[in-house]
Amino acid sequence: MAIVRHEAGDVVPADGTYALVGHFGEATNFAVWCQKGERLPLAIVSEDLESPFWFVQVGEESSVRLVA
């Protein structure tokens, strides 16, 4: 299964939790719940973290699909 990356400000395709991660999936400890059609927030990231950054959908639904 491909991991879909979303940029800050994008409209989300489904309800869920979206976590901000680095290029290789590094955690930033920032996540937000969005409903389908809402925009992801414009994120401000500390200078000590390398870029680029993307949002990815996380949570139970994504985990179930990965296991199935």
N, C-alpha and C. Protein backbone atom coordinates (compact mmCIF):
# COMPACT_ATOMS: atom_id res chain seq x y z
N MET A 1 0.84 -1.17 0.00
CA MET A 1 0.00 0.00 0.00
C MET A 1 0.88 1.24 0.00
N ALA A 2 0.57 2.16 -0.84
CA ALA A 2 1.32 3.41 -0.93
C ALA A 2 0.91 4.35 0.19
N ILE A 3 1.87 5.10 0.70
CA ILE A 3 1.58 6.11 1.70
C ILE A 3 1.38 7.43 0.97
N VAL A 4 0.20 8.01 1.10
CA VAL A 4 -0.12 9.25 0.41
C VAL A 4 0.34 10.43 1.27
N ARG A 5 1.14 11.29 0.66
CA ARG A 5 1.64 12.47 1.37
C ARG A 5 0.78 13.68 0.99
N HIS A 6 0.48 14.49 1.99
CA HIS A 6 -0.32 15.70 1.79
C HIS A 6 0.50 16.90 2.26
N GLU A 7 0.45 17.98 1.51
CA GLU A 7 1.16 19.18 1.91
C GLU A 7 0.29 20.02 2.84
N ALA A 8 0.95 20.85 3.65
CA ALA A 8 0.22 21.78 4.52
C ALA A 8 -0.70 22.63 3.65
N GLY A 9 -1.94 22.78 4.09
CA GLY A 9 -2.92 23.56 3.34
C GLY A 9 -3.75 22.75 2.37
N ASP A 10 -3.39 21.48 2.12
CA ASP A 10 -4.17 20.62 1.23
C ASP A 10 -5.52 20.30 1.84
N VAL A 11 -6.50 20.02 1.00
CA VAL A 11 -7.81 19.54 1.44
C VAL A 11 -7.69 18.04 1.65
N VAL A 12 -8.15 17.54 2.82
CA VAL A 12 -8.02 16.11 3.11
C VAL A 12 -9.12 15.31 2.42
N PRO A 13 -8.77 14.11 1.94
CA PRO A 13 -9.74 13.29 1.21
C PRO A 13 -10.67 12.47 2.10
N ALA A 14 -10.34 12.34 3.41
CA ALA A 14 -11.14 11.50 4.31
C ALA A 14 -11.00 11.98 5.74
N ASP A 15 -12.00 11.67 6.58
CA ASP A 15 -11.90 11.96 8.00
C ASP A 15 -10.72 11.18 8.58
N GLY A 16 -10.01 11.79 9.52
CA GLY A 16 -8.95 11.05 10.18
C GLY A 16 -7.91 11.94 10.82
N THR A 17 -6.92 11.28 11.40
CA THR A 17 -5.80 11.96 12.03
C THR A 17 -4.67 12.03 11.02
N TYR A 18 -4.10 13.20 10.88
CA TYR A 18 -3.00 13.42 9.94
C TYR A 18 -1.79 13.89 10.74
N ALA A 19 -0.69 13.16 10.61
CA ALA A 19 0.53 13.48 11.35
C ALA A 19 1.53 14.14 10.42
N LEU A 20 2.24 15.11 10.95
CA LEU A 20 3.30 15.78 10.20
C LEU A 20 4.57 14.96 10.37
N VAL A 21 5.18 14.55 9.26
CA VAL A 21 6.38 13.73 9.30
C VAL A 21 7.45 14.29 8.37
N GLY A 22 8.69 13.90 8.64
CA GLY A 22 9.80 14.29 7.79
C GLY A 22 9.88 13.40 6.56
N HIS A 23 10.85 13.67 5.71
CA HIS A 23 11.03 12.96 4.44
C HIS A 23 11.09 11.45 4.59
N PHE A 24 11.76 10.95 5.61
CA PHE A 24 11.88 9.51 5.82
C PHE A 24 10.92 8.99 6.89
N GLY A 25 9.88 9.77 7.22
CA GLY A 25 8.89 9.35 8.20
C GLY A 25 9.23 9.73 9.63
N GLU A 26 10.23 10.61 9.82
CA GLU A 26 10.59 11.03 11.16
C GLU A 26 9.41 11.73 11.83
N ALA A 27 9.14 11.36 13.06
CA ALA A 27 8.04 11.96 13.81
C ALA A 27 8.36 13.40 14.20
N THR A 28 7.34 14.24 14.17
CA THR A 28 7.49 15.62 14.64
C THR A 28 6.66 15.86 15.89
N ASN A 29 5.89 14.85 16.31
CA ASN A 29 4.99 14.96 17.45
C ASN A 29 3.90 15.99 17.24
N PHE A 30 3.50 16.18 15.98
CA PHE A 30 2.40 17.08 15.65
C PHE A 30 1.41 16.31 14.79
N ALA A 31 0.16 16.25 15.24
CA ALA A 31 -0.90 15.60 14.48
C ALA A 31 -2.18 16.39 14.67
N VAL A 32 -3.07 16.27 13.72
CA VAL A 32 -4.32 17.01 13.76
C VAL A 32 -5.44 16.13 13.22
N TRP A 33 -6.65 16.26 13.79
CA TRP A 33 -7.83 15.55 13.30
C TRP A 33 -8.52 16.46 12.30
N CYS A 34 -8.85 15.93 11.13
CA CYS A 34 -9.57 16.70 10.11
C CYS A 34 -10.72 15.88 9.57
N GLN A 35 -11.76 16.57 9.19
CA GLN A 35 -12.87 15.92 8.51
C GLN A 35 -12.69 16.10 7.01
N LYS A 36 -13.25 15.17 6.24
CA LYS A 36 -13.15 15.22 4.78
C LYS A 36 -13.53 16.61 4.30
N GLY A 37 -12.70 17.19 3.44
CA GLY A 37 -12.97 18.50 2.87
C GLY A 37 -12.31 19.65 3.61
N GLU A 38 -11.83 19.40 4.84
CA GLU A 38 -11.13 20.46 5.57
C GLU A 38 -9.69 20.57 5.07
N ARG A 39 -9.10 21.72 5.32
CA ARG A 39 -7.69 21.94 4.93
C ARG A 39 -6.77 21.60 6.10
N LEU A 40 -5.63 21.02 5.76
CA LEU A 40 -4.60 20.79 6.76
C LEU A 40 -4.00 22.14 7.17
N PRO A 41 -3.58 22.26 8.41
CA PRO A 41 -3.02 23.54 8.86
C PRO A 41 -1.67 23.81 8.21
N LEU A 42 -1.36 25.09 8.12
CA LEU A 42 -0.03 25.47 7.69
C LEU A 42 0.86 25.29 8.91
N ALA A 43 1.83 24.40 8.83
CA ALA A 43 2.63 24.02 9.98
C ALA A 43 3.92 24.83 10.07
N ILE A 44 4.29 25.18 11.28
CA ILE A 44 5.56 25.82 11.55
C ILE A 44 6.43 24.78 12.23
N VAL A 45 7.61 24.55 11.69
CA VAL A 45 8.49 23.50 12.18
C VAL A 45 9.78 24.11 12.67
N SER A 46 10.34 23.54 13.72
CA SER A 46 11.59 24.00 14.30
C SER A 46 12.72 23.93 13.28
N GLU A 47 13.65 24.86 13.36
CA GLU A 47 14.77 24.91 12.43
C GLU A 47 15.70 23.71 12.58
N ASP A 48 15.71 23.05 13.73
CA ASP A 48 16.64 21.94 13.91
C ASP A 48 16.18 20.65 13.23
N LEU A 49 14.97 20.63 12.69
CA LEU A 49 14.48 19.48 11.94
C LEU A 49 14.72 19.73 10.45
N GLU A 50 15.12 18.68 9.76
CA GLU A 50 15.36 18.83 8.33
C GLU A 50 14.05 18.76 7.56
N SER A 51 14.01 19.41 6.42
CA SER A 51 12.82 19.39 5.58
C SER A 51 13.07 18.50 4.37
N PRO A 52 12.13 18.14 3.59
CA PRO A 52 10.74 18.60 3.54
C PRO A 52 9.84 17.85 4.53
N PHE A 53 8.67 18.39 4.75
CA PHE A 53 7.68 17.81 5.65
C PHE A 53 6.38 17.58 4.92
N TRP A 54 5.67 16.51 5.31
CA TRP A 54 4.37 16.19 4.74
C TRP A 54 3.46 15.70 5.85
N PHE A 55 2.18 15.75 5.57
CA PHE A 55 1.19 15.12 6.45
C PHE A 55 0.85 13.76 5.85
N VAL A 56 0.68 12.76 6.72
CA VAL A 56 0.21 11.45 6.30
C VAL A 56 -0.92 11.04 7.24
N GLN A 57 -1.90 10.33 6.69
CA GLN A 57 -3.01 9.88 7.53
C GLN A 57 -2.53 8.71 8.38
N VAL A 58 -2.83 8.78 9.66
CA VAL A 58 -2.43 7.73 10.60
C VAL A 58 -3.64 7.31 11.42
N GLY A 59 -3.49 6.24 12.18
CA GLY A 59 -4.56 5.83 13.08
C GLY A 59 -5.05 4.44 12.78
N GLU A 60 -6.13 4.10 13.43
CA GLU A 60 -6.66 2.73 13.38
C GLU A 60 -6.97 2.29 11.97
N GLU A 61 -7.66 3.12 11.18
CA GLU A 61 -8.05 2.71 9.82
C GLU A 61 -6.82 2.42 8.97
N SER A 62 -5.83 3.30 9.01
CA SER A 62 -4.61 3.08 8.23
C SER A 62 -3.89 1.83 8.70
N SER A 63 -3.83 1.60 10.01
CA SER A 63 -3.15 0.43 10.57
C SER A 63 -3.84 -0.86 10.15
N VAL A 64 -5.15 -0.86 10.16
CA VAL A 64 -5.90 -2.05 9.78
C VAL A 64 -5.62 -2.40 8.33
N ARG A 65 -5.54 -1.41 7.47
CA ARG A 65 -5.28 -1.67 6.07
C ARG A 65 -3.86 -2.23 5.87
N LEU A 66 -2.90 -1.76 6.65
CA LEU A 66 -1.55 -2.26 6.52
C LEU A 66 -1.43 -3.72 6.96
N VAL A 67 -2.20 -4.11 7.96
CA VAL A 67 -2.13 -5.46 8.50
C VAL A 67 -2.91 -6.44 7.62
N ALA A 68 -4.00 -5.98 7.05
CA ALA A 68 -4.89 -6.89 6.29
C ALA A 68 -4.27 -7.43 5.03
